[in-house]
Amino acid sequence: MLIFLATALIAQATPANLAPPVPQYIIEEQPVRRLPGGLDQVPVFNSNSPEVVQSEGILLSTLSPQGRPNANVHLNYSFSDRFDVFTHHIARPNLTNPQDQRRLNLGIVVYNNGSTAVQLEILQSLSYTTADDASFQTLPAYANNPEGRIFSGPGSRLATDLLRGISEAPSQIVIPAGQSRVIFNRPIPNGSARSGLMRLRSSGKVQVASMALLDRVIQPPAPPLPTPLGPLDSPPPLPPVRYEAPTEADWQAALDTLPLATPRDVTPTPPGRYGSLIYGRVAGVSEGSRWEGFVTDDPAKGYLSIPDRGKAFSYVLNTPDSGTLGTGQVQSARLLVRYPDTAYDAHGNYSTHYRLTMPLQNNTGSDQVVAIKIQTPLKDEFKRDRLSFNAQTSPNIFFRGTVQLTYPGDNPAEPVVRSIHLVQRQGEQGQPLVAIKIAPGVRKLVEVELIYPPDATPPQVLTVESFDPAQSPQLPADRVLPLVEADPF
């Protein structure tokens, strides 16, 4: 792997008393490959626009527009069998009265548009807010996270806990024909974000809507009639105004009357345009909840040859349009239905489960130590033989989430499972997550899993690099363990 600093080369005319130019980029010359496998066909109700919600309104509805006002609000798409519901919104309600303490609430309604009752199973369900569950914290770049207690922000915690299989209690709901049920009804504290995912299975066709409603105002009772006051008497204090979450009836009524929530996000750039691109936020049904990949040289061989000592290669992760790192592979989930002012594809693949299996085989003829990295290179569309990184630390965080690795340990019957929370900035090279010694002719199976966090920014790459066993890299996750042990709950 050839590495050199990209900088403006100023020849011998540079005055001796001036400092040399500061390098801007680091270029790593190594192959960049398409990621094997692909997304499944599980549809995802993807509610992420408008990201910042300021008013009551419909966020996303796949109900039929027939017989309903505001026909443009309803996309007429039905789910059946397995599907997911993903939501990510920030609440900043436009309240003109400073005494008004109402919050916006997120509601999810499932409607049975069939002629027989439907059984809806909630297989996994998690939702976190910035204010109450997962504030943003300054964390080291690498931290061992075996119990999932290290996270920063609701997206980081959501992705970490989904990967660990954490869930609220699974439940089953029977929805009679022609009726609907509220399956989610929770506030988003003002100024906070809420990220959530529900994995569902329905025995028949259903349609789904997400909405934002303000708290209900419960006025205090009327004061008692005035009575003659003595010199030491004073009127009793009035009880304060109370706020309550919307009822099921409130959500049902809102579904038939509310327009789209405003203000709308910036309109995305149509596909095929070049130059400065606006990807836009997603409001629609995307196709694909999970990416399974068996990473080999060739599917017929069944193994992945490790690179020669000192060399590396990378596989692209979560590549959007105009950022495929020269591979031409766009991994963004396609949208089956969408609002016309929202994203054309699910760029970002938020909450997508990547599960990549690598049967690493040493065909080099000598012992090698193989390191696995996640890296966040600068976005590029044309160069497939190199990756570009920032030479200086960027202020922009592009990835916050947990990566899980499973690989052989000392006991072949008991593989090691390691969870590491990563914080990576734009253009960051990253450091090894795990280093495995492989003898000549030996094959070792390594599995890499992650849930793509809702507040991350693609693309990333999965890199395989070989080292001399005598110069095996020290893993940064081993070093940072003492730095982060605070209980974030």
Protein backbone atom coordinates (compact mmCIF):
# COMPACT_ATOMS: atom_id res chain seq x y z
CA MET A 1 0.00 0.00 0.00
CA LEU A 2 1.64 3.22 -1.19
CA ILE A 3 0.93 6.29 0.93
CA PHE A 4 1.93 9.83 0.08
CA LEU A 5 0.91 13.32 1.08
CA ALA A 6 -0.86 15.44 -1.53
CA THR A 7 0.32 19.04 -1.32
CA ALA A 8 1.22 21.90 -3.61
CA LEU A 9 4.84 21.31 -4.57
CA ILE A 10 6.67 24.59 -4.52
CA ALA A 11 10.13 24.19 -6.03
CA GLN A 12 13.42 25.51 -4.82
CA ALA A 13 12.13 29.05 -5.22
CA THR A 14 10.43 28.76 -1.83
CA PRO A 15 12.23 31.09 0.60
CA ALA A 16 14.21 29.17 3.21
CA ASN A 17 12.64 31.10 6.10
CA LEU A 18 9.09 30.01 5.18
CA ALA A 19 7.55 26.83 6.59
CA PRO A 20 6.78 24.13 4.02
CA PRO A 21 3.17 23.94 2.91
CA VAL A 22 0.83 21.99 5.17
CA PRO A 23 -0.32 18.74 3.55
CA GLN A 24 -4.04 18.79 2.73
CA TYR A 25 -4.73 15.14 1.94
CA ILE A 26 -3.36 11.65 2.47
CA ILE A 27 -3.67 9.32 -0.51
CA GLU A 28 -3.63 5.56 0.03
CA GLU A 29 -3.05 3.68 -3.21
CA GLN A 30 -4.94 0.40 -2.90
CA PRO A 31 -7.77 -1.38 -4.72
CA VAL A 32 -11.33 -0.32 -3.89
CA ARG A 33 -13.92 -3.02 -4.57
CA ARG A 34 -17.68 -3.35 -4.89
CA LEU A 35 -19.33 -4.93 -1.86
CA PRO A 36 -20.70 -8.42 -2.56
CA GLY A 37 -24.29 -9.24 -1.67
CA GLY A 38 -27.16 -6.81 -1.65
CA LEU A 39 -30.24 -5.51 0.11
CA ASP A 40 -33.16 -7.80 0.79
CA GLN A 41 -36.68 -6.93 -0.35
CA VAL A 42 -38.19 -6.07 3.04
CA PRO A 43 -40.07 -2.75 2.64
CA VAL A 44 -39.28 0.03 5.11
CA PHE A 45 -41.74 2.76 6.06
CA ASN A 46 -39.12 5.52 6.07
CA SER A 47 -40.25 8.69 7.89
CA ASN A 48 -37.41 11.24 7.94
CA SER A 49 -38.83 14.35 6.23
CA PRO A 50 -39.25 17.00 7.35
CA GLU A 51 -36.37 16.24 9.67
CA VAL A 52 -37.16 19.34 11.76
CA VAL A 53 -40.88 19.35 12.57
CA GLN A 54 -42.37 22.72 13.54
CA SER A 55 -46.09 22.12 13.09
CA GLU A 56 -48.74 19.51 13.50
CA GLY A 57 -49.23 17.44 10.37
CA ILE A 58 -48.83 14.20 8.47
CA LEU A 59 -45.19 13.12 8.25
CA LEU A 60 -45.80 10.11 5.99
CA SER A 61 -48.94 8.22 5.03
CA THR A 62 -49.31 5.18 2.81
CA LEU A 63 -53.11 5.10 3.21
CA SER A 64 -55.42 5.28 0.22
CA PRO A 65 -56.41 8.85 -0.73
CA GLN A 66 -59.89 7.69 -1.72
CA GLY A 67 -62.55 9.47 0.31
CA ARG A 68 -59.99 11.49 2.29
CA PRO A 69 -59.31 15.22 2.17
CA ASN A 70 -55.77 16.29 1.27
CA ALA A 71 -55.42 13.45 -1.24
CA ASN A 72 -51.78 14.39 -1.96
CA VAL A 73 -50.87 13.34 1.59
CA HIS A 74 -51.61 9.62 1.06
CA LEU A 75 -49.36 7.38 -1.08
CA ASN A 76 -51.62 4.28 -1.29
CA TYR A 77 -49.09 1.53 -0.49
CA SER A 78 -49.89 -1.65 1.46
CA PHE A 79 -47.51 -3.75 3.55
CA SER A 80 -47.85 -7.45 4.30
CA ASP A 81 -45.70 -10.08 6.03
CA ARG A 82 -42.35 -8.55 7.14
CA PHE A 83 -41.76 -4.80 7.07
CA ASP A 84 -39.99 -2.15 9.14
CA VAL A 85 -41.03 1.27 10.38
CA PHE A 86 -38.13 3.74 10.70
CA THR A 87 -38.58 7.28 12.07
CA HIS A 88 -36.16 10.11 12.75
CA HIS A 89 -37.44 13.63 13.49
CA ILE A 90 -36.44 16.71 15.51
CA ALA A 91 -39.15 18.71 17.31
CA ARG A 92 -38.99 22.50 17.25
CA PRO A 93 -42.65 23.53 17.50
CA ASN A 94 -43.49 27.05 16.42
CA LEU A 95 -45.21 28.24 19.62
CA THR A 96 -45.91 31.97 19.69
CA ASN A 97 -46.76 32.15 23.39
CA PRO A 98 -43.70 31.70 25.64
CA GLN A 99 -45.98 30.26 28.33
CA ASP A 100 -47.05 27.48 25.98
CA GLN A 101 -45.24 24.33 27.13
CA ARG A 102 -46.81 21.87 24.71
CA ARG A 103 -44.63 19.23 23.06
CA LEU A 104 -44.93 17.62 19.67
CA ASN A 105 -45.84 13.95 19.82
CA LEU A 106 -44.98 11.27 17.27
CA GLY A 107 -47.81 8.88 16.47
CA ILE A 108 -47.78 5.81 14.22
CA VAL A 109 -51.10 4.40 13.07
CA VAL A 110 -51.61 1.07 11.26
CA TYR A 111 -54.81 0.71 9.19
CA ASN A 112 -56.29 -2.60 8.05
CA ASN A 113 -57.60 -1.94 4.55
CA GLY A 114 -58.64 -5.57 4.02
CA SER A 115 -61.90 -7.44 4.55
CA THR A 116 -60.73 -9.69 7.42
CA ALA A 117 -58.97 -9.06 10.73
CA VAL A 118 -55.18 -8.81 10.66
CA GLN A 119 -52.71 -9.88 13.34
CA LEU A 120 -49.77 -7.49 13.63
CA GLU A 121 -46.67 -8.75 15.45
CA ILE A 122 -44.16 -6.26 16.85
CA LEU A 123 -40.95 -8.29 16.68
CA GLN A 124 -38.51 -5.58 17.81
CA SER A 125 -39.14 -1.99 18.81
CA LEU A 126 -36.79 0.73 20.07
CA SER A 127 -37.01 4.52 20.20
CA TYR A 128 -34.72 7.06 21.87
CA THR A 129 -34.61 10.84 22.27
CA THR A 130 -31.68 13.18 22.75
CA ALA A 131 -33.15 14.78 25.86
CA ASP A 132 -34.24 11.73 27.84
CA ASP A 133 -32.32 8.71 26.59
CA ALA A 134 -29.14 9.50 24.67
CA SER A 135 -27.54 12.91 24.87
CA PHE A 136 -24.59 13.70 22.63
CA GLN A 137 -21.27 13.10 24.38
CA THR A 138 -17.64 13.59 23.48
CA LEU A 139 -16.26 10.07 23.10
CA PRO A 140 -12.89 8.69 22.01
CA ALA A 141 -12.57 7.36 18.48
CA TYR A 142 -12.60 3.74 19.70
CA ALA A 143 -14.16 2.22 22.81
CA ASN A 144 -14.86 -1.38 23.72
CA ASN A 145 -18.63 -1.64 24.08
CA PRO A 146 -19.54 -5.19 25.15
CA GLU A 147 -22.63 -4.12 27.11
CA GLY A 148 -23.80 -1.35 24.79
CA ARG A 149 -23.40 1.31 27.47
CA ILE A 150 -21.30 3.63 25.30
CA PHE A 151 -23.15 5.81 22.81
CA SER A 152 -23.57 9.41 21.75
CA GLY A 153 -26.97 10.60 20.54
CA PRO A 154 -30.16 8.65 19.82
CA GLY A 155 -28.92 7.32 16.47
CA SER A 156 -25.80 5.84 18.04
CA ARG A 157 -27.77 4.21 20.87
CA LEU A 158 -30.50 2.95 18.52
CA ALA A 159 -27.97 1.30 16.18
CA THR A 160 -26.02 -0.19 19.09
CA ASP A 161 -29.06 -1.69 20.82
CA LEU A 162 -30.63 -2.98 17.60
CA LEU A 163 -27.37 -4.81 16.87
CA ARG A 164 -27.47 -6.37 20.35
CA GLY A 165 -31.07 -7.52 19.87
CA ILE A 166 -32.46 -5.24 22.57
CA SER A 167 -36.19 -4.58 22.32
CA GLU A 168 -39.21 -3.44 24.22
CA ALA A 169 -41.55 -6.33 24.99
CA PRO A 170 -42.76 -7.98 21.76
CA SER A 171 -46.50 -7.77 21.34
CA GLN A 172 -49.35 -8.76 19.06
CA ILE A 173 -52.21 -6.52 18.00
CA VAL A 174 -55.39 -7.61 16.27
CA ILE A 175 -56.74 -4.96 13.86
CA PRO A 176 -60.31 -5.58 12.67
CA ALA A 177 -61.16 -5.07 9.01
CA GLY A 178 -61.57 -1.43 8.08
CA GLN A 179 -60.15 -0.19 11.40
CA SER A 180 -56.84 1.23 12.58
CA ARG A 181 -54.75 1.09 15.74
CA VAL A 182 -52.15 3.43 17.20
CA ILE A 183 -48.97 1.39 17.73
CA PHE A 184 -46.72 4.27 18.83
CA ASN A 185 -47.58 7.47 20.74
CA ARG A 186 -44.71 9.31 22.42
CA PRO A 187 -43.51 12.88 22.83
CA ILE A 188 -40.39 14.42 21.31
CA PRO A 189 -39.05 16.91 23.87
CA ASN A 190 -38.76 20.36 22.33
CA GLY A 191 -35.40 20.80 20.63
CA SER A 192 -34.73 17.07 20.81
CA ALA A 193 -34.49 14.35 18.18
CA ARG A 194 -36.28 11.00 18.33
CA SER A 195 -34.92 8.00 16.40
CA GLY A 196 -36.81 4.73 16.30
CA LEU A 197 -37.24 1.43 14.49
CA MET A 198 -39.98 -1.21 14.64
CA ARG A 199 -39.62 -4.61 12.99
CA LEU A 200 -43.12 -5.90 12.21
CA ARG A 201 -44.96 -8.83 10.66
CA SER A 202 -48.55 -8.64 9.46
CA SER A 203 -50.83 -11.54 8.58
CA GLY A 204 -52.54 -9.40 5.91
CA LYS A 205 -52.34 -6.12 4.06
CA VAL A 206 -52.03 -2.96 6.16
CA GLN A 207 -51.22 0.70 5.54
CA VAL A 208 -49.23 2.98 7.85
CA ALA A 209 -49.09 6.67 8.74
CA SER A 210 -46.81 8.75 10.97
CA MET A 211 -48.02 12.10 12.33
CA ALA A 212 -47.03 14.94 14.63
CA LEU A 213 -49.56 16.34 17.12
CA LEU A 214 -49.15 18.81 19.96
CA ASP A 215 -50.09 17.89 23.52
CA ARG A 216 -53.70 18.19 24.54
CA VAL A 217 -54.31 21.16 26.88
CA ILE A 218 -56.18 20.30 30.08
CA GLN A 219 -57.57 23.54 31.51
CA PRO A 220 -57.84 23.88 35.29
CA PRO A 221 -61.34 23.89 36.77
CA ALA A 222 -63.13 27.21 37.04
CA PRO A 223 -62.37 29.12 40.26
CA PRO A 224 -65.05 29.17 42.97
CA LEU A 225 -67.52 32.04 43.06
CA PRO A 226 -66.17 35.14 44.80
CA THR A 227 -66.90 35.49 48.53
CA PRO A 228 -66.36 38.44 50.86
CA LEU A 229 -62.72 38.54 51.78
CA GLY A 230 -61.50 39.36 55.23
CA PRO A 231 -58.40 41.52 55.70
CA LEU A 232 -56.14 38.47 55.95
CA ASP A 233 -57.81 36.35 53.31
CA SER A 234 -56.48 35.90 49.76
CA PRO A 235 -57.85 34.04 46.73
CA PRO A 236 -56.66 30.43 46.44
CA PRO A 237 -54.02 29.88 43.73
CA LEU A 238 -55.32 28.47 40.46
CA PRO A 239 -54.04 25.02 39.51
CA PRO A 240 -51.63 25.08 36.56
CA VAL A 241 -52.58 24.14 33.02
CA ARG A 242 -51.81 20.46 32.35
CA TYR A 243 -50.69 18.84 29.13
CA GLU A 244 -51.42 15.29 28.06
CA ALA A 245 -50.41 13.15 25.09
CA PRO A 246 -52.96 12.87 22.27
CA THR A 247 -55.52 10.10 22.68
CA GLU A 248 -56.22 7.37 20.16
CA ALA A 249 -59.27 9.34 19.06
CA ASP A 250 -57.07 12.42 18.48
CA TRP A 251 -54.76 10.45 16.18
CA GLN A 252 -57.68 8.93 14.29
CA ALA A 253 -59.22 12.36 13.71
CA ALA A 254 -55.87 13.85 12.68
CA LEU A 255 -55.37 11.18 10.06
CA ASP A 256 -58.49 12.35 8.22
CA THR A 257 -57.93 16.10 8.52
CA LEU A 258 -54.27 17.09 8.77
CA PRO A 259 -52.15 18.30 5.82
CA LEU A 260 -48.45 17.52 5.42
CA ALA A 261 -46.24 18.83 8.21
CA THR A 262 -44.39 22.04 7.37
CA PRO A 263 -42.00 23.64 6.68
CA ARG A 264 -40.80 21.16 4.04
CA ASP A 265 -37.14 20.19 3.64
CA VAL A 266 -35.01 21.43 0.74
CA THR A 267 -36.09 19.83 -2.55
CA PRO A 268 -33.53 17.23 -3.76
CA THR A 269 -31.60 17.36 -7.01
CA PRO A 270 -33.19 15.15 -9.71
CA PRO A 271 -31.18 12.05 -10.72
CA GLY A 272 -28.67 12.51 -13.52
CA ARG A 273 -27.72 16.08 -12.62
CA TYR A 274 -24.10 16.85 -11.80
CA GLY A 275 -22.37 19.50 -9.77
CA SER A 276 -23.57 20.44 -6.29
CA LEU A 277 -26.09 17.78 -5.26
CA ILE A 278 -28.87 17.92 -2.68
CA TYR A 279 -29.81 14.38 -1.65
CA GLY A 280 -32.83 15.39 0.40
CA ARG A 281 -34.55 13.68 3.32
CA VAL A 282 -36.61 10.53 2.89
CA ALA A 283 -40.39 10.29 3.19
CA GLY A 284 -41.60 7.14 1.48
CA VAL A 285 -41.26 3.37 1.37
CA SER A 286 -37.74 2.10 0.70
CA GLU A 287 -36.86 -1.45 -0.30
CA GLY A 288 -34.29 -3.23 1.83
CA SER A 289 -33.75 -3.66 5.56
CA ARG A 290 -30.66 -5.88 5.55
CA TRP A 291 -27.51 -6.28 3.44
CA GLU A 292 -26.01 -9.78 3.52
CA GLY A 293 -22.61 -10.17 1.89
CA PHE A 294 -20.31 -13.22 1.51
CA VAL A 295 -17.04 -11.47 0.71
CA THR A 296 -14.75 -13.65 -1.46
CA ASP A 297 -12.35 -13.40 -4.40
CA ASP A 298 -14.88 -15.29 -6.48
CA PRO A 299 -18.14 -16.97 -5.38
CA ALA A 300 -16.84 -20.24 -6.90
CA LYS A 301 -13.70 -20.21 -4.71
CA GLY A 302 -15.39 -19.65 -1.36
CA TYR A 303 -12.54 -17.69 0.24
CA LEU A 304 -10.99 -14.20 0.32
CA SER A 305 -7.24 -14.08 -0.33
CA ILE A 306 -5.58 -11.73 2.12
CA PRO A 307 -3.28 -9.03 0.64
CA ASP A 308 0.48 -9.34 0.57
CA ARG A 309 2.35 -8.01 3.58
CA GLY A 310 2.15 -4.22 3.72
CA LYS A 311 -0.75 -4.13 1.25
CA ALA A 312 -4.49 -3.53 1.67
CA PHE A 313 -7.79 -3.47 -0.19
CA SER A 314 -11.19 -2.03 0.67
CA TYR A 315 -14.89 -2.70 0.08
CA VAL A 316 -17.31 0.20 -0.16
CA LEU A 317 -20.05 0.63 2.47
CA ASN A 318 -23.30 2.55 1.99
CA THR A 319 -22.31 4.39 -1.18
CA PRO A 320 -24.75 7.05 -2.49
CA ASP A 321 -25.00 8.58 -5.96
CA SER A 322 -21.84 10.49 -6.94
CA GLY A 323 -19.84 8.93 -4.13
CA THR A 324 -19.14 5.34 -5.14
CA LEU A 325 -15.34 5.66 -4.74
CA GLY A 326 -14.83 4.62 -8.35
CA THR A 327 -16.79 1.36 -8.07
CA GLY A 328 -20.04 2.57 -9.67
CA GLN A 329 -21.95 0.67 -6.96
CA VAL A 330 -24.85 2.68 -5.49
CA GLN A 331 -26.03 0.91 -2.34
CA SER A 332 -28.84 3.36 -1.50
CA ALA A 333 -32.17 1.57 -1.17
CA ARG A 334 -34.62 2.45 -3.95
CA LEU A 335 -37.91 4.08 -3.05
CA LEU A 336 -41.12 2.27 -4.00
CA VAL A 337 -43.27 5.35 -3.27
CA ARG A 338 -42.30 8.86 -2.14
CA TYR A 339 -43.49 12.43 -1.84
CA PRO A 340 -42.36 14.46 -4.88
CA ASP A 341 -40.38 16.99 -2.80
CA THR A 342 -38.36 14.36 -0.91
CA ALA A 343 -35.32 12.15 -1.67
CA TYR A 344 -35.34 10.00 -4.80
CA ASP A 345 -33.54 7.14 -3.02
CA ALA A 346 -32.87 6.28 0.62
CA HIS A 347 -29.36 7.77 0.60
CA GLY A 348 -27.82 6.89 3.95
CA ASN A 349 -29.66 3.58 4.41
CA TYR A 350 -30.42 4.56 8.01
CA SER A 351 -31.09 1.53 10.27
CA THR A 352 -29.95 -0.93 7.57
CA HIS A 353 -28.29 -4.03 9.02
CA TYR A 354 -24.99 -4.86 7.26
CA ARG A 355 -23.78 -8.43 7.88
CA LEU A 356 -20.57 -9.29 6.03
CA THR A 357 -18.81 -12.65 6.18
CA MET A 358 -15.14 -12.87 5.13
CA PRO A 359 -13.42 -16.31 4.92
CA LEU A 360 -9.86 -14.93 5.05
CA GLN A 361 -7.24 -17.26 3.56
CA ASN A 362 -3.48 -16.79 3.66
CA ASN A 363 -2.07 -17.70 0.24
CA THR A 364 1.13 -15.65 0.68
CA GLY A 365 3.49 -18.42 1.88
CA SER A 366 4.39 -16.81 5.23
CA ASP A 367 2.70 -15.89 8.50
CA GLN A 368 0.63 -12.71 8.29
CA VAL A 369 -1.28 -10.56 10.73
CA VAL A 370 -4.48 -9.34 9.11
CA ALA A 371 -6.16 -6.19 10.42
CA ILE A 372 -9.78 -5.18 9.79
CA LYS A 373 -10.68 -1.46 9.66
CA ILE A 374 -13.66 0.76 9.08
CA GLN A 375 -12.56 3.97 7.33
CA THR A 376 -14.32 7.17 6.26
CA PRO A 377 -12.57 8.39 3.09
CA LEU A 378 -13.40 11.57 1.25
CA LYS A 379 -16.20 11.11 -1.26
CA ASP A 380 -15.04 10.39 -4.80
CA GLU A 381 -16.67 9.03 -7.93
CA PHE A 382 -13.82 8.19 -10.29
CA LYS A 383 -10.69 6.71 -8.64
CA ARG A 384 -10.95 2.99 -7.94
CA ASP A 385 -7.28 2.44 -7.13
CA ARG A 386 -6.91 4.80 -4.19
CA LEU A 387 -8.61 6.41 -1.19
CA SER A 388 -8.24 10.04 -0.11
CA PHE A 389 -8.23 11.20 3.51
CA ASN A 390 -7.86 14.52 5.31
CA ALA A 391 -4.35 15.16 6.58
CA GLN A 392 -5.79 17.36 9.34
CA THR A 393 -8.57 16.38 11.73
CA SER A 394 -11.97 17.46 10.44
CA PRO A 395 -14.54 18.97 12.82
CA ASN A 396 -17.32 17.03 11.06
CA ILE A 397 -18.31 13.70 12.64
CA PHE A 398 -19.49 11.29 9.92
CA PHE A 399 -20.01 8.07 11.89
CA ARG A 400 -21.08 7.31 15.46
CA GLY A 401 -22.06 3.71 16.13
CA THR A 402 -21.06 0.22 17.18
CA VAL A 403 -19.36 -2.37 14.96
CA GLN A 404 -19.45 -6.04 16.02
CA LEU A 405 -16.76 -8.49 14.92
CA THR A 406 -16.84 -12.28 15.30
CA TYR A 407 -13.60 -14.18 14.65
CA PRO A 408 -11.68 -17.31 15.79
CA GLY A 409 -10.09 -17.20 19.23
CA ASP A 410 -7.67 -19.50 20.97
CA ASN A 411 -10.44 -22.08 21.33
CA PRO A 412 -11.75 -22.89 17.81
CA ALA A 413 -15.08 -24.00 19.31
CA GLU A 414 -15.66 -20.59 20.94
CA PRO A 415 -15.34 -17.65 18.52
CA VAL A 416 -14.59 -14.22 19.94
CA VAL A 417 -17.35 -11.60 19.70
CA ARG A 418 -16.15 -8.03 20.04
CA SER A 419 -18.23 -4.84 19.97
CA ILE A 420 -16.47 -1.53 19.42
CA HIS A 421 -18.07 1.91 19.38
CA LEU A 422 -16.55 4.12 16.67
CA VAL A 423 -16.51 7.86 16.24
CA GLN A 424 -15.07 8.80 12.84
CA ARG A 425 -14.72 12.21 11.26
CA GLN A 426 -14.86 13.20 7.62
CA GLY A 427 -11.82 11.85 5.79
CA GLU A 428 -10.55 9.77 8.74
CA GLN A 429 -8.24 6.82 8.02
CA GLY A 430 -9.26 4.80 11.04
CA GLN A 431 -7.23 2.21 12.93
CA PRO A 432 -7.51 -1.59 13.20
CA LEU A 433 -10.54 -3.01 15.00
CA VAL A 434 -9.04 -6.48 15.23
CA ALA A 435 -5.76 -8.13 14.22
CA ILE A 436 -5.67 -11.87 13.47
CA LYS A 437 -2.60 -14.01 12.86
CA ILE A 438 -3.05 -16.41 9.93
CA ALA A 439 -0.50 -19.09 9.00
CA PRO A 440 0.18 -20.02 5.36
CA GLY A 441 -2.63 -22.03 3.79
CA VAL A 442 -4.96 -21.39 6.76
CA ARG A 443 -8.47 -19.94 6.43
CA LYS A 444 -10.18 -17.97 9.23
CA LEU A 445 -13.77 -16.79 9.16
CA VAL A 446 -14.42 -13.17 10.21
CA GLU A 447 -17.88 -11.62 10.40
CA VAL A 448 -18.48 -7.86 10.53
CA GLU A 449 -21.89 -6.47 11.52
CA LEU A 450 -23.27 -2.97 11.99
CA ILE A 451 -26.58 -1.14 11.94
CA TYR A 452 -26.06 2.07 9.98
CA PRO A 453 -26.76 4.89 12.48
CA PRO A 454 -29.44 7.49 11.61
CA ASP A 455 -27.12 10.47 12.15
CA ALA A 456 -24.13 9.12 10.18
CA THR A 457 -22.96 10.29 6.75
CA PRO A 458 -21.74 7.88 4.03
CA PRO A 459 -19.61 6.54 2.54
CA GLN A 460 -17.38 4.31 4.61
CA VAL A 461 -15.16 1.40 3.56
CA LEU A 462 -14.27 -1.97 5.08
CA THR A 463 -10.51 -2.42 4.74
CA VAL A 464 -8.38 -5.58 5.00
CA GLU A 465 -4.64 -4.98 5.57
CA SER A 466 -1.71 -7.35 6.16
CA PHE A 467 1.20 -6.77 8.54
CA ASP A 468 4.44 -8.47 9.50
CA PRO A 469 3.67 -10.48 12.68
CA ALA A 470 6.70 -8.87 14.32
CA GLN A 471 5.11 -5.44 13.75
CA SER A 472 1.51 -6.31 14.62
CA PRO A 473 -0.51 -3.14 15.27
CA GLN A 474 -1.71 -2.29 18.77
CA LEU A 475 -5.46 -2.05 18.69
CA PRO A 476 -6.75 1.40 19.69
CA ALA A 477 -9.83 -0.13 21.30
CA ASP A 478 -7.52 -1.81 23.84
CA ARG A 479 -6.01 1.53 24.76
CA VAL A 480 -9.14 3.63 25.21
CA LEU A 481 -11.03 1.32 27.56
CA PRO A 482 -10.19 3.30 30.71
CA LEU A 483 -11.33 6.58 29.12
CA VAL A 484 -15.05 5.86 28.85
CA GLU A 485 -16.77 3.97 31.64
CA ALA A 486 -19.30 6.60 32.78
CA ASP A 487 -22.88 5.31 33.01
CA PRO A 488 -24.78 7.36 30.40
CA PHE A 489 -28.22 6.39 31.71
